[in-house]
Amino acid sequence: MVAMGTLVTFDFDDTLTLPFKDKEGYWVSGGSVPNMETIATMKELGDRGHEIAIVTSRVFSNGSKERIAVFVMEHELPVERDVVFTNGEWKADFLEEMGSVLHYDDDLEELSRIEAKGIAVVEVAHPPGPRR
């Protein structure tokens, strides 16, 4: 897979969390239910000695910073770096600058741009059904 001790990064919304269904049955980003499968993967990679970081496209706010920090504490995630907020920018340049060797994300365009930088990617698939 990837060399031990290297940086592995994870998106937050719809990667470490699950999307939620709105009243009309569409999947919507920004849920707070943990994606236990992705969390288990993160913990396993941390246990193997990888450095773990969260990189989100969210716009920085104290509320978002606090929400993610609480989520990290509640689920005992092995995140040692401050969360990186790209403020709506594509993640690829941030990840390249950070030295990420592997990134988990739900956004196919993000994944394509990241992969073009030579960073390995894993798609975290959404549940089946329409999205907003």
C-alpha atoms as a PDB file:
ATOM      1  CA  MET A   1       0.000   0.000   0.000  1.00  0.00           C
ATOM      2  CA  VAL A   2       1.860   3.130   1.190  1.00  0.00           C
ATOM      3  CA  ALA A   3       5.140   3.396   3.080  1.00  0.00           C
ATOM      4  CA  MET A   4       4.874   3.481   6.860  1.00  0.00           C
ATOM      5  CA  GLY A   5       5.109   6.908   8.453  1.00  0.00           C
ATOM      6  CA  THR A   6       3.807   8.774   5.421  1.00  0.00           C
ATOM      7  CA  LEU A   7       0.945  11.285   5.459  1.00  0.00           C
ATOM      8  CA  VAL A   8      -2.554  10.011   4.651  1.00  0.00           C
ATOM      9  CA  THR A   9      -5.337  12.583   4.338  1.00  0.00           C
ATOM     10  CA  PHE A  10      -9.116  12.371   4.604  1.00  0.00           C
ATOM     11  CA  ASP A  11     -11.950  14.633   3.495  1.00  0.00           C
ATOM     12  CA  PHE A  12     -14.520  15.347   6.226  1.00  0.00           C
ATOM     13  CA  ASP A  13     -18.049  15.771   4.822  1.00  0.00           C
ATOM     14  CA  ASP A  14     -19.471  12.618   3.230  1.00  0.00           C
ATOM     15  CA  THR A  15     -16.166  10.798   3.844  1.00  0.00           C
ATOM     16  CA  LEU A  16     -15.724  10.690   7.625  1.00  0.00           C
ATOM     17  CA  THR A  17     -19.426  11.505   7.951  1.00  0.00           C
ATOM     18  CA  LEU A  18     -22.401  10.180   6.022  1.00  0.00           C
ATOM     19  CA  PRO A  19     -24.677  12.369   3.919  1.00  0.00           C
ATOM     20  CA  PHE A  20     -28.285  12.612   5.116  1.00  0.00           C
ATOM     21  CA  LYS A  21     -31.606  12.423   3.288  1.00  0.00           C
ATOM     22  CA  ASP A  22     -33.748  15.534   3.014  1.00  0.00           C
ATOM     23  CA  LYS A  23     -37.570  15.536   3.053  1.00  0.00           C
ATOM     24  CA  GLU A  24     -37.725  14.819  -0.692  1.00  0.00           C
ATOM     25  CA  GLY A  25     -35.392  11.820  -0.457  1.00  0.00           C
ATOM     26  CA  TYR A  26     -32.224  13.464  -1.826  1.00  0.00           C
ATOM     27  CA  TRP A  27     -28.821  12.875  -0.228  1.00  0.00           C
ATOM     28  CA  VAL A  28     -27.415  16.110   1.193  1.00  0.00           C
ATOM     29  CA  SER A  29     -23.847  16.848   2.292  1.00  0.00           C
ATOM     30  CA  GLY A  30     -22.974  17.933   5.825  1.00  0.00           C
ATOM     31  CA  GLY A  31     -24.409  15.179   7.977  1.00  0.00           C
ATOM     32  CA  SER A  32     -23.012  14.395  11.403  1.00  0.00           C
ATOM     33  CA  VAL A  33     -23.480  10.600  11.442  1.00  0.00           C
ATOM     34  CA  PRO A  34     -20.033   8.966  11.434  1.00  0.00           C
ATOM     35  CA  ASN A  35     -18.979   6.788   8.505  1.00  0.00           C
ATOM     36  CA  MET A  36     -17.703   3.945  10.668  1.00  0.00           C
ATOM     37  CA  GLU A  37     -16.090   2.113   7.738  1.00  0.00           C
ATOM     38  CA  THR A  38     -13.909   5.099   6.805  1.00  0.00           C
ATOM     39  CA  ILE A  39     -13.175   5.812  10.470  1.00  0.00           C
ATOM     40  CA  ALA A  40     -12.003   2.198  10.949  1.00  0.00           C
ATOM     41  CA  THR A  41      -9.690   2.604   7.942  1.00  0.00           C
ATOM     42  CA  MET A  42      -8.298   5.856   9.373  1.00  0.00           C
ATOM     43  CA  LYS A  43      -7.626   4.235  12.752  1.00  0.00           C
ATOM     44  CA  GLU A  44      -5.974   1.223  11.114  1.00  0.00           C
ATOM     45  CA  LEU A  45      -3.676   3.500   9.103  1.00  0.00           C
ATOM     46  CA  GLY A  46      -2.856   5.471  12.259  1.00  0.00           C
ATOM     47  CA  ASP A  47      -2.077   2.223  14.102  1.00  0.00           C
ATOM     48  CA  ARG A  48       0.315   1.300  11.265  1.00  0.00           C
ATOM     49  CA  GLY A  49       2.292   4.461  11.928  1.00  0.00           C
ATOM     50  CA  HIS A  50       0.925   6.811   9.295  1.00  0.00           C
ATOM     51  CA  GLU A  51       0.447  10.483  10.041  1.00  0.00           C
ATOM     52  CA  ILE A  52      -3.232  11.363   9.564  1.00  0.00           C
ATOM     53  CA  ALA A  53      -4.762  14.724   8.601  1.00  0.00           C
ATOM     54  CA  ILE A  54      -8.198  16.055   7.635  1.00  0.00           C
ATOM     55  CA  VAL A  55      -8.452  18.337   4.609  1.00  0.00           C
ATOM     56  CA  THR A  56     -11.868  19.841   3.903  1.00  0.00           C
ATOM     57  CA  SER A  57     -13.206  22.163   1.205  1.00  0.00           C
ATOM     58  CA  ARG A  58     -15.282  23.918   3.861  1.00  0.00           C
ATOM     59  CA  VAL A  59     -14.847  27.623   4.389  1.00  0.00           C
ATOM     60  CA  PHE A  60     -13.072  28.177   7.704  1.00  0.00           C
ATOM     61  CA  SER A  61     -15.255  29.289  10.594  1.00  0.00           C
ATOM     62  CA  ASN A  62     -14.871  28.830  14.330  1.00  0.00           C
ATOM     63  CA  GLY A  63     -18.073  26.766  14.246  1.00  0.00           C
ATOM     64  CA  SER A  64     -16.733  24.367  11.596  1.00  0.00           C
ATOM     65  CA  LYS A  65     -13.369  24.125  13.344  1.00  0.00           C
ATOM     66  CA  GLU A  66     -15.109  23.289  16.628  1.00  0.00           C
ATOM     67  CA  ARG A  67     -17.544  20.809  15.034  1.00  0.00           C
ATOM     68  CA  ILE A  68     -14.703  18.873  13.409  1.00  0.00           C
ATOM     69  CA  ALA A  69     -12.575  19.001  16.590  1.00  0.00           C
ATOM     70  CA  VAL A  70     -15.462  17.587  18.645  1.00  0.00           C
ATOM     71  CA  PHE A  71     -16.033  14.854  16.029  1.00  0.00           C
ATOM     72  CA  VAL A  72     -12.317  13.932  16.159  1.00  0.00           C
ATOM     73  CA  MET A  73     -12.424  13.719  19.976  1.00  0.00           C
ATOM     74  CA  GLU A  74     -15.733  11.825  20.134  1.00  0.00           C
ATOM     75  CA  HIS A  75     -14.507   9.169  17.720  1.00  0.00           C
ATOM     76  CA  GLU A  76     -10.919   9.129  19.018  1.00  0.00           C
ATOM     77  CA  LEU A  77      -9.476   9.758  15.567  1.00  0.00           C
ATOM     78  CA  PRO A  78      -5.667   9.656  15.245  1.00  0.00           C
ATOM     79  CA  VAL A  79      -5.453  13.180  13.804  1.00  0.00           C
ATOM     80  CA  GLU A  80      -2.403  15.117  15.024  1.00  0.00           C
ATOM     81  CA  ARG A  81      -2.359  18.086  12.636  1.00  0.00           C
ATOM     82  CA  ASP A  82      -4.723  21.037  12.559  1.00  0.00           C
ATOM     83  CA  VAL A  83      -7.593  20.585  10.109  1.00  0.00           C
ATOM     84  CA  VAL A  84      -6.857  22.203   6.740  1.00  0.00           C
ATOM     85  CA  PHE A  85      -9.730  24.290   5.357  1.00  0.00           C
ATOM     86  CA  THR A  86      -9.340  24.977   1.617  1.00  0.00           C
ATOM     87  CA  ASN A  87     -12.153  27.557   1.689  1.00  0.00           C
ATOM     88  CA  GLY A  88     -13.769  26.130  -1.445  1.00  0.00           C
ATOM     89  CA  GLU A  89     -10.513  25.694  -3.372  1.00  0.00           C
ATOM     90  CA  TRP A  90      -9.544  22.366  -4.934  1.00  0.00           C
ATOM     91  CA  LYS A  91      -7.572  20.163  -2.548  1.00  0.00           C
ATOM     92  CA  ALA A  92      -4.850  18.877  -4.913  1.00  0.00           C
ATOM     93  CA  ASP A  93      -2.361  21.731  -4.416  1.00  0.00           C
ATOM     94  CA  PHE A  94      -2.856  21.692  -0.637  1.00  0.00           C
ATOM     95  CA  LEU A  95      -2.286  17.932  -0.504  1.00  0.00           C
ATOM     96  CA  GLU A  96       0.800  18.145  -2.705  1.00  0.00           C
ATOM     97  CA  GLU A  97       2.261  20.893  -0.504  1.00  0.00           C
ATOM     98  CA  MET A  98       1.497  18.892   2.656  1.00  0.00           C
ATOM     99  CA  GLY A  99       3.169  15.766   1.246  1.00  0.00           C
ATOM    100  CA  SER A 100       0.079  13.543   1.277  1.00  0.00           C
ATOM    101  CA  VAL A 101       0.682  10.182  -0.399  1.00  0.00           C
ATOM    102  CA  LEU A 102      -2.908   8.894  -0.118  1.00  0.00           C
ATOM    103  CA  HIS A 103      -6.226  10.747   0.097  1.00  0.00           C
ATOM    104  CA  TYR A 104      -9.768   9.515   0.846  1.00  0.00           C
ATOM    105  CA  ASP A 105     -12.643  11.594  -0.588  1.00  0.00           C
ATOM    106  CA  ASP A 106     -16.180  11.298  -1.957  1.00  0.00           C
ATOM    107  CA  ASP A 107     -15.820  13.916  -4.739  1.00  0.00           C
ATOM    108  CA  LEU A 108     -14.857  12.372  -8.090  1.00  0.00           C
ATOM    109  CA  GLU A 109     -13.541  15.636  -9.542  1.00  0.00           C
ATOM    110  CA  GLU A 110     -11.402  16.218  -6.446  1.00  0.00           C
ATOM    111  CA  LEU A 111     -10.060  12.675  -6.738  1.00  0.00           C
ATOM    112  CA  SER A 112      -9.209  13.145 -10.422  1.00  0.00           C
ATOM    113  CA  ARG A 113      -7.309  16.392  -9.719  1.00  0.00           C
ATOM    114  CA  ILE A 114      -5.482  14.826  -6.762  1.00  0.00           C
ATOM    115  CA  GLU A 115      -4.534  11.723  -8.738  1.00  0.00           C
ATOM    116  CA  ALA A 116      -3.116  13.972 -11.485  1.00  0.00           C
ATOM    117  CA  LYS A 117      -0.611  15.225  -8.868  1.00  0.00           C
ATOM    118  CA  GLY A 118       0.633  11.661  -8.369  1.00  0.00           C
ATOM    119  CA  ILE A 119      -1.159  11.178  -5.052  1.00  0.00           C
ATOM    120  CA  ALA A 120      -2.962   7.857  -4.585  1.00  0.00           C
ATOM    121  CA  VAL A 121      -6.706   8.187  -3.986  1.00  0.00           C
ATOM    122  CA  VAL A 122      -9.582   6.134  -2.603  1.00  0.00           C
ATOM    123  CA  GLU A 123     -13.189   6.976  -3.448  1.00  0.00           C
ATOM    124  CA  VAL A 124     -15.602   6.856  -0.526  1.00  0.00           C
ATOM    125  CA  ALA A 125     -18.847   6.109  -2.340  1.00  0.00           C
ATOM    126  CA  HIS A 126     -22.151   7.774  -1.487  1.00  0.00           C
ATOM    127  CA  PRO A 127     -25.218   5.687  -0.717  1.00  0.00           C
ATOM    128  CA  PRO A 128     -27.267   4.977  -3.857  1.00  0.00           C
ATOM    129  CA  GLY A 129     -29.896   7.541  -4.798  1.00  0.00           C
ATOM    130  CA  PRO A 130     -30.231  11.127  -5.986  1.00  0.00           C
ATOM    131  CA  ARG A 131     -27.970  13.861  -4.562  1.00  0.00           C
ATOM    132  CA  ARG A 132     -28.370  17.602  -4.121  1.00  0.00           C
END
